[in-house]
Amino acid sequence: MIQVSIPLVPSADGVLLIPADHVTELLRSLAADWLHSTDSGEMRGDAQTVLDLAGVLDQLADQIDVECIGFASAPRQ
Protein backbone atom coordinates (compact mmCIF):
# COMPACT_ATOMS: atom_id res chain seq x y z
CA MET A 1 0.00 0.00 0.00
CA ILE A 2 1.33 3.41 -0.95
CA GLN A 3 1.52 6.39 1.34
CA VAL A 4 1.77 9.82 -0.23
CA SER A 5 1.95 13.21 1.42
CA ILE A 6 0.38 15.97 -0.64
CA PRO A 7 0.80 19.64 0.26
CA LEU A 8 -2.22 21.90 0.09
CA VAL A 9 -1.67 25.44 -1.14
CA PRO A 10 -4.26 28.06 -0.18
CA SER A 11 -5.19 30.49 -2.94
CA ALA A 12 -6.03 34.15 -2.42
CA ASP A 13 -9.76 33.34 -2.41
CA GLY A 14 -9.38 30.56 0.18
CA VAL A 15 -9.59 27.60 -2.19
CA LEU A 16 -7.11 24.83 -1.44
CA LEU A 17 -4.97 23.74 -4.39
CA ILE A 18 -2.75 20.72 -4.95
CA PRO A 19 0.43 21.17 -7.04
CA ALA A 20 0.04 19.42 -10.39
CA ASP A 21 3.30 17.49 -10.06
CA HIS A 22 1.99 15.94 -6.85
CA VAL A 23 -1.27 14.98 -8.56
CA THR A 24 0.53 13.28 -11.43
CA GLU A 25 2.91 11.53 -9.01
CA LEU A 26 -0.10 10.27 -7.04
CA LEU A 27 -1.81 8.97 -10.19
CA ARG A 28 1.32 7.18 -11.38
CA SER A 29 2.04 5.75 -7.91
CA LEU A 30 -1.50 4.43 -7.64
CA ALA A 31 -1.26 2.80 -11.08
CA ALA A 32 2.09 1.21 -10.21
CA ASP A 33 0.73 -0.01 -6.86
CA TRP A 34 -2.25 -1.65 -8.58
CA LEU A 35 0.03 -3.40 -11.06
CA HIS A 36 2.38 -4.56 -8.31
CA SER A 37 -0.54 -5.84 -6.23
CA THR A 38 -1.90 -7.75 -9.21
CA ASP A 39 1.50 -9.23 -10.08
CA SER A 40 2.14 -10.33 -6.50
CA GLY A 41 -1.33 -11.83 -6.10
CA GLU A 42 -2.38 -9.38 -3.37
CA MET A 43 -5.21 -8.00 -5.49
CA ARG A 44 -7.83 -10.34 -6.76
CA GLY A 45 -9.75 -9.66 -9.89
CA ASP A 46 -9.31 -9.47 -13.59
CA ALA A 47 -5.70 -8.64 -14.38
CA GLN A 48 -6.64 -7.09 -17.74
CA THR A 49 -9.07 -4.70 -16.05
CA VAL A 50 -6.39 -3.61 -13.59
CA LEU A 51 -3.93 -3.16 -16.46
CA ASP A 52 -6.48 -1.06 -18.38
CA LEU A 53 -7.30 1.10 -15.35
CA ALA A 54 -3.62 1.64 -14.57
CA GLY A 55 -3.14 2.71 -18.20
CA VAL A 56 -5.97 5.24 -17.86
CA LEU A 57 -4.34 6.72 -14.75
CA ASP A 58 -1.00 6.99 -16.56
CA GLN A 59 -2.67 8.66 -19.55
CA LEU A 60 -4.43 11.12 -17.27
CA ALA A 61 -1.12 11.96 -15.58
CA ASP A 62 0.46 12.48 -19.02
CA GLN A 63 -2.40 14.74 -20.08
CA ILE A 64 -2.04 16.86 -16.94
CA ASP A 65 1.72 17.14 -17.55
CA VAL A 66 1.18 18.24 -21.17
CA GLU A 67 -1.44 20.82 -20.21
CA CYS A 68 0.80 22.23 -17.48
CA ILE A 69 3.75 22.45 -19.87
CA GLY A 70 1.53 24.24 -22.39
CA PHE A 71 0.31 26.65 -19.73
CA ALA A 72 3.81 27.35 -18.44
CA SER A 73 5.14 27.79 -21.99
CA ALA A 74 2.42 30.20 -23.13
CA PRO A 75 3.66 33.73 -23.77
CA ARG A 76 2.77 36.19 -21.02
CA GLN A 77 0.91 39.33 -21.98
PDB file of N, CA and C in Angstrom:
ATOM      1  N   MET A   1       0.833  -1.169   0.000  1.00  0.00           N
ATOM      2  CA  MET A   1       0.000   0.000   0.000  1.00  0.00           C
ATOM      3  C   MET A   1       0.883   1.239   0.000  1.00  0.00           C
ATOM      4  N   ILE A   2       0.533   2.199  -0.855  1.00  0.00           N
ATOM      5  CA  ILE A   2       1.326   3.409  -0.953  1.00  0.00           C
ATOM      6  C   ILE A   2       0.886   4.429   0.089  1.00  0.00           C
ATOM      7  N   GLN A   3       1.814   5.266   0.474  1.00  0.00           N
ATOM      8  CA  GLN A   3       1.517   6.395   1.341  1.00  0.00           C
ATOM      9  C   GLN A   3       2.141   7.616   0.699  1.00  0.00           C
ATOM     10  N   VAL A   4       1.307   8.619   0.445  1.00  0.00           N
ATOM     11  CA  VAL A   4       1.771   9.819  -0.227  1.00  0.00           C
ATOM     12  C   VAL A   4       1.355  11.029   0.582  1.00  0.00           C
ATOM     13  N   SER A   5       2.257  11.954   0.748  1.00  0.00           N
ATOM     14  CA  SER A   5       1.951  13.214   1.419  1.00  0.00           C
ATOM     15  C   SER A   5       1.788  14.286   0.348  1.00  0.00           C
ATOM     16  N   ILE A   6       0.656  14.969   0.375  1.00  0.00           N
ATOM     17  CA  ILE A   6       0.376  15.974  -0.639  1.00  0.00           C
ATOM     18  C   ILE A   6       0.172  17.325   0.044  1.00  0.00           C
ATOM     19  N   PRO A   7       0.975  18.320  -0.337  1.00  0.00           N
ATOM     20  CA  PRO A   7       0.804  19.641   0.262  1.00  0.00           C
ATOM     21  C   PRO A   7      -0.426  20.347  -0.314  1.00  0.00           C
ATOM     22  N   LEU A   8      -1.109  21.075   0.531  1.00  0.00           N
ATOM     23  CA  LEU A   8      -2.223  21.902   0.086  1.00  0.00           C
ATOM     24  C   LEU A   8      -1.767  23.351   0.086  1.00  0.00           C
ATOM     25  N   VAL A   9      -2.081  24.053  -0.986  1.00  0.00           N
ATOM     26  CA  VAL A   9      -1.667  25.442  -1.141  1.00  0.00           C
ATOM     27  C   VAL A   9      -2.924  26.311  -1.158  1.00  0.00           C
ATOM     28  N   PRO A  10      -3.083  27.202  -0.179  1.00  0.00           N
ATOM     29  CA  PRO A  10      -4.264  28.061  -0.180  1.00  0.00           C
ATOM     30  C   PRO A  10      -4.130  29.169  -1.222  1.00  0.00           C
ATOM     31  N   SER A  11      -5.201  29.399  -1.961  1.00  0.00           N
ATOM     32  CA  SER A  11      -5.194  30.491  -2.935  1.00  0.00           C
ATOM     33  C   SER A  11      -5.690  31.760  -2.257  1.00  0.00           C
ATOM     34  N   ALA A  12      -5.622  32.863  -2.979  1.00  0.00           N
ATOM     35  CA  ALA A  12      -6.033  34.154  -2.422  1.00  0.00           C
ATOM     36  C   ALA A  12      -7.510  34.160  -2.028  1.00  0.00           C
ATOM     37  N   ASP A  13      -8.327  33.364  -2.724  1.00  0.00           N
ATOM     38  CA  ASP A  13      -9.760  33.342  -2.412  1.00  0.00           C
ATOM     39  C   ASP A  13     -10.135  32.223  -1.442  1.00  0.00           C
ATOM     40  N   GLY A  14      -9.137  31.574  -0.841  1.00  0.00           N
ATOM     41  CA  GLY A  14      -9.384  30.565   0.176  1.00  0.00           C
ATOM     42  C   GLY A  14      -9.551  29.149  -0.321  1.00  0.00           C
ATOM     43  N   VAL A  15      -9.488  28.946  -1.633  1.00  0.00           N
ATOM     44  CA  VAL A  15      -9.590  27.599  -2.192  1.00  0.00           C
ATOM     45  C   VAL A  15      -8.260  26.881  -1.982  1.00  0.00           C
ATOM     46  N   LEU A  16      -8.330  25.607  -1.602  1.00  0.00           N
ATOM     47  CA  LEU A  16      -7.111  24.825  -1.444  1.00  0.00           C
ATOM     48  C   LEU A  16      -6.746  24.169  -2.764  1.00  0.00           C
ATOM     49  N   LEU A  17      -5.479  24.290  -3.132  1.00  0.00           N
ATOM     50  CA  LEU A  17      -4.973  23.739  -4.387  1.00  0.00           C
ATOM     51  C   LEU A  17      -3.921  22.678  -4.105  1.00  0.00           C
ATOM     52  N   ILE A  18      -3.779  21.746  -5.032  1.00  0.00           N
ATOM     53  CA  ILE A  18      -2.746  20.719  -4.951  1.00  0.00           C
ATOM     54  C   ILE A  18      -1.817  20.921  -6.136  1.00  0.00           C
ATOM     55  N   PRO A  19      -0.504  21.014  -5.919  1.00  0.00           N
ATOM     56  CA  PRO A  19       0.428  21.171  -7.037  1.00  0.00           C
ATOM     57  C   PRO A  19       0.278  20.032  -8.057  1.00  0.00           C
ATOM     58  N   ALA A  20       0.276  20.384  -9.322  1.00  0.00           N
ATOM     59  CA  ALA A  20       0.040  19.419 -10.395  1.00  0.00           C
ATOM     60  C   ALA A  20       1.050  18.279 -10.376  1.00  0.00           C
ATOM     61  N   ASP A  21       2.308  18.571 -10.062  1.00  0.00           N
ATOM     62  CA  ASP A  21       3.297  17.495 -10.063  1.00  0.00           C
ATOM     63  C   ASP A  21       3.001  16.462  -8.976  1.00  0.00           C
ATOM     64  N   HIS A  22       2.380  16.889  -7.895  1.00  0.00           N
ATOM     65  CA  HIS A  22       1.988  15.943  -6.853  1.00  0.00           C
ATOM     66  C   HIS A  22       0.783  15.104  -7.291  1.00  0.00           C
ATOM     67  N   VAL A  23      -0.114  15.713  -8.044  1.00  0.00           N
ATOM     68  CA  VAL A  23      -1.272  14.975  -8.557  1.00  0.00           C
ATOM     69  C   VAL A  23      -0.811  13.900  -9.533  1.00  0.00           C
ATOM     70  N   THR A  24       0.069  14.257 -10.450  1.00  0.00           N
ATOM     71  CA  THR A  24       0.534  13.275 -11.427  1.00  0.00           C
ATOM     72  C   THR A  24       1.360  12.180 -10.754  1.00  0.00           C
ATOM     73  N   GLU A  25       2.142  12.537  -9.751  1.00  0.00           N
ATOM     74  CA  GLU A  25       2.905  11.532  -9.006  1.00  0.00           C
ATOM     75  C   GLU A  25       1.952  10.574  -8.291  1.00  0.00           C
ATOM     76  N   LEU A  26       0.882  11.105  -7.713  1.00  0.00           N
ATOM     77  CA  LEU A  26      -0.098  10.266  -7.040  1.00  0.00           C
ATOM     78  C   LEU A  26      -0.768   9.306  -8.019  1.00  0.00           C
ATOM     79  N   LEU A  27      -1.172   9.818  -9.188  1.00  0.00           N
ATOM     80  CA  LEU A  27      -1.811   8.967 -10.186  1.00  0.00           C
ATOM     81  C   LEU A  27      -0.885   7.844 -10.646  1.00  0.00           C
ATOM     82  N   ARG A  28       0.366   8.189 -10.917  1.00  0.00           N
ATOM     83  CA  ARG A  28       1.323   7.178 -11.378  1.00  0.00           C
ATOM     84  C   ARG A  28       1.664   6.172 -10.275  1.00  0.00           C
ATOM     85  N   SER A  29       1.758   6.648  -9.043  1.00  0.00           N
ATOM     86  CA  SER A  29       2.035   5.746  -7.915  1.00  0.00           C
ATOM     87  C   SER A  29       0.882   4.782  -7.692  1.00  0.00           C
ATOM     88  N   LEU A  30      -0.327   5.279  -7.805  1.00  0.00           N
ATOM     89  CA  LEU A  30      -1.498   4.429  -7.645  1.00  0.00           C
ATOM     90  C   LEU A  30      -1.542   3.354  -8.736  1.00  0.00           C
ATOM     91  N   ALA A  31      -1.282   3.759  -9.977  1.00  0.00           N
ATOM     92  CA  ALA A  31      -1.264   2.796 -11.084  1.00  0.00           C
ATOM     93  C   ALA A  31      -0.189   1.736 -10.854  1.00  0.00           C
ATOM     94  N   ALA A  32       0.998   2.154 -10.456  1.00  0.00           N
ATOM     95  CA  ALA A  32       2.091   1.209 -10.213  1.00  0.00           C
ATOM     96  C   ALA A  32       1.758   0.272  -9.055  1.00  0.00           C
ATOM     97  N   ASP A  33       1.119   0.807  -8.004  1.00  0.00           N
ATOM     98  CA  ASP A  33       0.735  -0.015  -6.858  1.00  0.00           C
ATOM     99  C   ASP A  33      -0.293  -1.063  -7.264  1.00  0.00           C
ATOM    100  N   TRP A  34      -1.264  -0.685  -8.092  1.00  0.00           N
ATOM    101  CA  TRP A  34      -2.250  -1.650  -8.585  1.00  0.00           C
ATOM    102  C   TRP A  34      -1.565  -2.767  -9.361  1.00  0.00           C
ATOM    103  N   LEU A  35      -0.654  -2.384 -10.253  1.00  0.00           N
ATOM    104  CA  LEU A  35       0.035  -3.396 -11.061  1.00  0.00           C
ATOM    105  C   LEU A  35       0.862  -4.329 -10.185  1.00  0.00           C
ATOM    106  N   HIS A  36       1.567  -3.747  -9.220  1.00  0.00           N
ATOM    107  CA  HIS A  36       2.385  -4.559  -8.308  1.00  0.00           C
ATOM    108  C   HIS A  36       1.495  -5.514  -7.505  1.00  0.00           C
ATOM    109  N   SER A  37       0.366  -5.012  -7.011  1.00  0.00           N
ATOM    110  CA  SER A  37      -0.544  -5.843  -6.225  1.00  0.00           C
ATOM    111  C   SER A  37      -1.120  -6.981  -7.058  1.00  0.00           C
ATOM    112  N   THR A  38      -1.383  -6.712  -8.322  1.00  0.00           N
ATOM    113  CA  THR A  38      -1.904  -7.750  -9.208  1.00  0.00           C
ATOM    114  C   THR A  38      -0.826  -8.792  -9.484  1.00  0.00           C
ATOM    115  N   ASP A  39       0.395  -8.313  -9.780  1.00  0.00           N
ATOM    116  CA  ASP A  39       1.501  -9.234 -10.084  1.00  0.00           C
ATOM    117  C   ASP A  39       1.852 -10.122  -8.893  1.00  0.00           C
ATOM    118  N   SER A  40       1.762  -9.564  -7.689  1.00  0.00           N
ATOM    119  CA  SER A  40       2.138 -10.326  -6.496  1.00  0.00           C
ATOM    120  C   SER A  40       0.996 -11.191  -5.966  1.00  0.00           C
ATOM    121  N   GLY A  41      -0.194 -11.035  -6.535  1.00  0.00           N
ATOM    122  CA  GLY A  41      -1.330 -11.830  -6.097  1.00  0.00           C
ATOM    123  C   GLY A  41      -2.099 -11.229  -4.939  1.00  0.00           C
ATOM    124  N   GLU A  42      -1.695 -10.032  -4.483  1.00  0.00           N
ATOM    125  CA  GLU A  42      -2.379  -9.379  -3.365  1.00  0.00           C
ATOM    126  C   GLU A  42      -3.777  -8.908  -3.767  1.00  0.00           C
ATOM    127  N   MET A  43      -3.933  -8.496  -5.012  1.00  0.00           N
ATOM    128  CA  MET A  43      -5.214  -7.995  -5.490  1.00  0.00           C
ATOM    129  C   MET A  43      -5.870  -9.078  -6.329  1.00  0.00           C
ATOM    130  N   ARG A  44      -7.093  -9.357  -5.988  1.00  0.00           N
ATOM    131  CA  ARG A  44      -7.828 -10.345  -6.758  1.00  0.00           C
ATOM    132  C   ARG A  44      -8.696  -9.618  -7.764  1.00  0.00           C
ATOM    133  N   GLY A  45      -8.919 -10.262  -8.855  1.00  0.00           N
ATOM    134  CA  GLY A  45      -9.751  -9.664  -9.889  1.00  0.00           C
ATOM    135  C   GLY A  45      -9.129  -9.893 -11.248  1.00  0.00           C
ATOM    136  N   ASP A  46      -9.744  -9.310 -12.219  1.00  0.00           N
ATOM    137  CA  ASP A  46      -9.315  -9.472 -13.594  1.00  0.00           C
ATOM    138  C   ASP A  46      -8.056  -8.640 -13.851  1.00  0.00           C
ATOM    139  N   ALA A  47      -6.976  -9.312 -14.164  1.00  0.00           N
ATOM    140  CA  ALA A  47      -5.696  -8.638 -14.383  1.00  0.00           C
ATOM    141  C   ALA A  47      -5.778  -7.657 -15.553  1.00  0.00           C
ATOM    142  N   GLN A  48      -6.523  -7.984 -16.587  1.00  0.00           N
ATOM    143  CA  GLN A  48      -6.636  -7.093 -17.740  1.00  0.00           C
ATOM    144  C   GLN A  48      -7.353  -5.804 -17.357  1.00  0.00           C
ATOM    145  N   THR A  49      -8.360  -5.901 -16.503  1.00  0.00           N
ATOM    146  CA  THR A  49      -9.068  -4.701 -16.046  1.00  0.00           C
ATOM    147  C   THR A  49      -8.139  -3.797 -15.254  1.00  0.00           C
ATOM    148  N   VAL A  50      -7.349  -4.387 -14.367  1.00  0.00           N
ATOM    149  CA  VAL A  50      -6.387  -3.608 -13.586  1.00  0.00           C
ATOM    150  C   VAL A  50      -5.369  -2.952 -14.516  1.00  0.00           C
ATOM    151  N   LEU A  51      -4.880  -3.698 -15.491  1.00  0.00           N
ATOM    152  CA  LEU A  51      -3.932  -3.159 -16.463  1.00  0.00           C
ATOM    153  C   LEU A  51      -4.543  -1.984 -17.222  1.00  0.00           C
ATOM    154  N   ASP A  52      -5.795  -2.143 -17.652  1.00  0.00           N
ATOM    155  CA  ASP A  52      -6.482  -1.065 -18.378  1.00  0.00           C
ATOM    156  C   ASP A  52      -6.679   0.171 -17.502  1.00  0.00           C
ATOM    157  N   LEU A  53      -7.095  -0.036 -16.254  1.00  0.00           N
ATOM    158  CA  LEU A  53      -7.304   1.100 -15.346  1.00  0.00           C
ATOM    159  C   LEU A  53      -5.995   1.809 -15.018  1.00  0.00           C
ATOM    160  N   ALA A  54      -4.933   1.039 -14.829  1.00  0.00           N
ATOM    161  CA  ALA A  54      -3.616   1.637 -14.574  1.00  0.00           C
ATOM    162  C   ALA A  54      -3.179   2.462 -15.780  1.00  0.00           C
ATOM    163  N   GLY A  55      -3.468   1.962 -16.986  1.00  0.00           N
ATOM    164  CA  GLY A  55      -3.145   2.711 -18.199  1.00  0.00           C
ATOM    165  C   GLY A  55      -3.900   4.020 -18.284  1.00  0.00           C
ATOM    166  N   VAL A  56      -5.166   4.009 -17.865  1.00  0.00           N
ATOM    167  CA  VAL A  56      -5.968   5.237 -17.862  1.00  0.00           C
ATOM    168  C   VAL A  56      -5.375   6.264 -16.897  1.00  0.00           C
ATOM    169  N   LEU A  57      -4.947   5.798 -15.718  1.00  0.00           N
ATOM    170  CA  LEU A  57      -4.340   6.724 -14.754  1.00  0.00           C
ATOM    171  C   LEU A  57      -3.044   7.315 -15.302  1.00  0.00           C
ATOM    172  N   ASP A  58      -2.238   6.497 -15.952  1.00  0.00           N
ATOM    173  CA  ASP A  58      -0.995   6.993 -16.556  1.00  0.00           C
ATOM    174  C   ASP A  58      -1.283   8.002 -17.667  1.00  0.00           C
ATOM    175  N   GLN A  59      -2.298   7.722 -18.478  1.00  0.00           N
ATOM    176  CA  GLN A  59      -2.666   8.657 -19.546  1.00  0.00           C
ATOM    177  C   GLN A  59      -3.172   9.974 -18.981  1.00  0.00           C
ATOM    178  N   LEU A  60      -3.941   9.903 -17.907  1.00  0.00           N
ATOM    179  CA  LEU A  60      -4.428  11.124 -17.268  1.00  0.00           C
ATOM    180  C   LEU A  60      -3.259  11.944 -16.715  1.00  0.00           C
ATOM    181  N   ALA A  61      -2.308  11.273 -16.097  1.00  0.00           N
ATOM    182  CA  ALA A  61      -1.116  11.963 -15.584  1.00  0.00           C
ATOM    183  C   ALA A  61      -0.344  12.610 -16.728  1.00  0.00           C
ATOM    184  N   ASP A  62      -0.215  11.902 -17.853  1.00  0.00           N
ATOM    185  CA  ASP A  62       0.464  12.475 -19.022  1.00  0.00           C
ATOM    186  C   ASP A  62      -0.274  13.701 -19.539  1.00  0.00           C
ATOM    187  N   GLN A  63      -1.601  13.626 -19.590  1.00  0.00           N
ATOM    188  CA  GLN A  63      -2.404  14.744 -20.080  1.00  0.00           C
ATOM    189  C   GLN A  63      -2.240  15.970 -19.178  1.00  0.00           C
ATOM    190  N   ILE A  64      -2.244  15.746 -17.873  1.00  0.00           N
ATOM    191  CA  ILE A  64      -2.042  16.863 -16.943  1.00  0.00           C
ATOM    192  C   ILE A  64      -0.664  17.480 -17.153  1.00  0.00           C
ATOM    193  N   ASP A  65       0.363  16.634 -17.309  1.00  0.00           N
ATOM    194  CA  ASP A  65       1.719  17.142 -17.552  1.00  0.00           C
ATOM    195  C   ASP A  65       1.771  17.995 -18.822  1.00  0.00           C
ATOM    196  N   VAL A  66       1.166  17.510 -19.895  1.00  0.00           N
ATOM    197  CA  VAL A  66       1.182  18.240 -21.168  1.00  0.00           C
ATOM    198  C   VAL A  66       0.467  19.577 -21.036  1.00  0.00           C
ATOM    199  N   GLU A  67      -0.696  19.567 -20.378  1.00  0.00           N
ATOM    200  CA  GLU A  67      -1.442  20.815 -20.213  1.00  0.00           C
ATOM    201  C   GLU A  67      -0.678  21.818 -19.355  1.00  0.00           C
ATOM    202  N   CYS A  68       0.005  21.331 -18.327  1.00  0.00           N
ATOM    203  CA  CYS A  68       0.802  22.226 -17.482  1.00  0.00           C
ATOM    204  C   CYS A  68       1.991  22.797 -18.243  1.00  0.00           C
ATOM    205  N   ILE A  69       2.629  21.963 -19.054  1.00  0.00           N
ATOM    206  CA  ILE A  69       3.752  22.446 -19.868  1.00  0.00           C
ATOM    207  C   ILE A  69       3.254  23.508 -20.847  1.00  0.00           C
ATOM    208  N   GLY A  70       2.109  23.258 -21.465  1.00  0.00           N
ATOM    209  CA  GLY A  70       1.526  24.238 -22.385  1.00  0.00           C
ATOM    210  C   GLY A  70       1.193  25.543 -21.687  1.00  0.00           C
ATOM    211  N   PHE A  71       0.646  25.455 -20.505  1.00  0.00           N
ATOM    212  CA  PHE A  71       0.308  26.652 -19.728  1.00  0.00           C
ATOM    213  C   PHE A  71       1.559  27.422 -19.343  1.00  0.00           C
ATOM    214  N   ALA A  72       2.576  26.703 -18.868  1.00  0.00           N
ATOM    215  CA  ALA A  72       3.813  27.349 -18.442  1.00  0.00           C
ATOM    216  C   ALA A  72       4.597  27.918 -19.617  1.00  0.00           C
ATOM    217  N   SER A  73       4.406  27.345 -20.815  1.00  0.00           N
ATOM    218  CA  SER A  73       5.140  27.790 -21.994  1.00  0.00           C
ATOM    219  C   SER A  73       4.427  28.902 -22.754  1.00  0.00           C
ATOM    220  N   ALA A  74       3.192  29.165 -22.400  1.00  0.00           N
ATOM    221  CA  ALA A  74       2.423  30.197 -23.127  1.00  0.00           C
ATOM    222  C   ALA A  74       3.046  31.571 -22.876  1.00  0.00           C
ATOM    223  N   PRO A  75       3.104  32.385 -23.932  1.00  0.00           N
ATOM    224  CA  PRO A  75       3.661  33.730 -23.775  1.00  0.00           C
ATOM    225  C   PRO A  75       2.804  34.549 -22.814  1.00  0.00           C
ATOM    226  N   ARG A  76       3.459  35.303 -21.981  1.00  0.00           N
ATOM    227  CA  ARG A  76       2.773  36.187 -21.021  1.00  0.00           C
ATOM    228  C   ARG A  76       2.453  37.506 -21.711  1.00  0.00           C
ATOM    229  N   GLN A  77       1.309  38.051 -21.375  1.00  0.00           N
ATOM    230  CA  GLN A  77       0.913  39.331 -21.981  1.00  0.00           C
ATOM    231  C   GLN A  77       1.055  40.472 -21.021  1.00  0.00           C
TER     232      GLN A  77
END
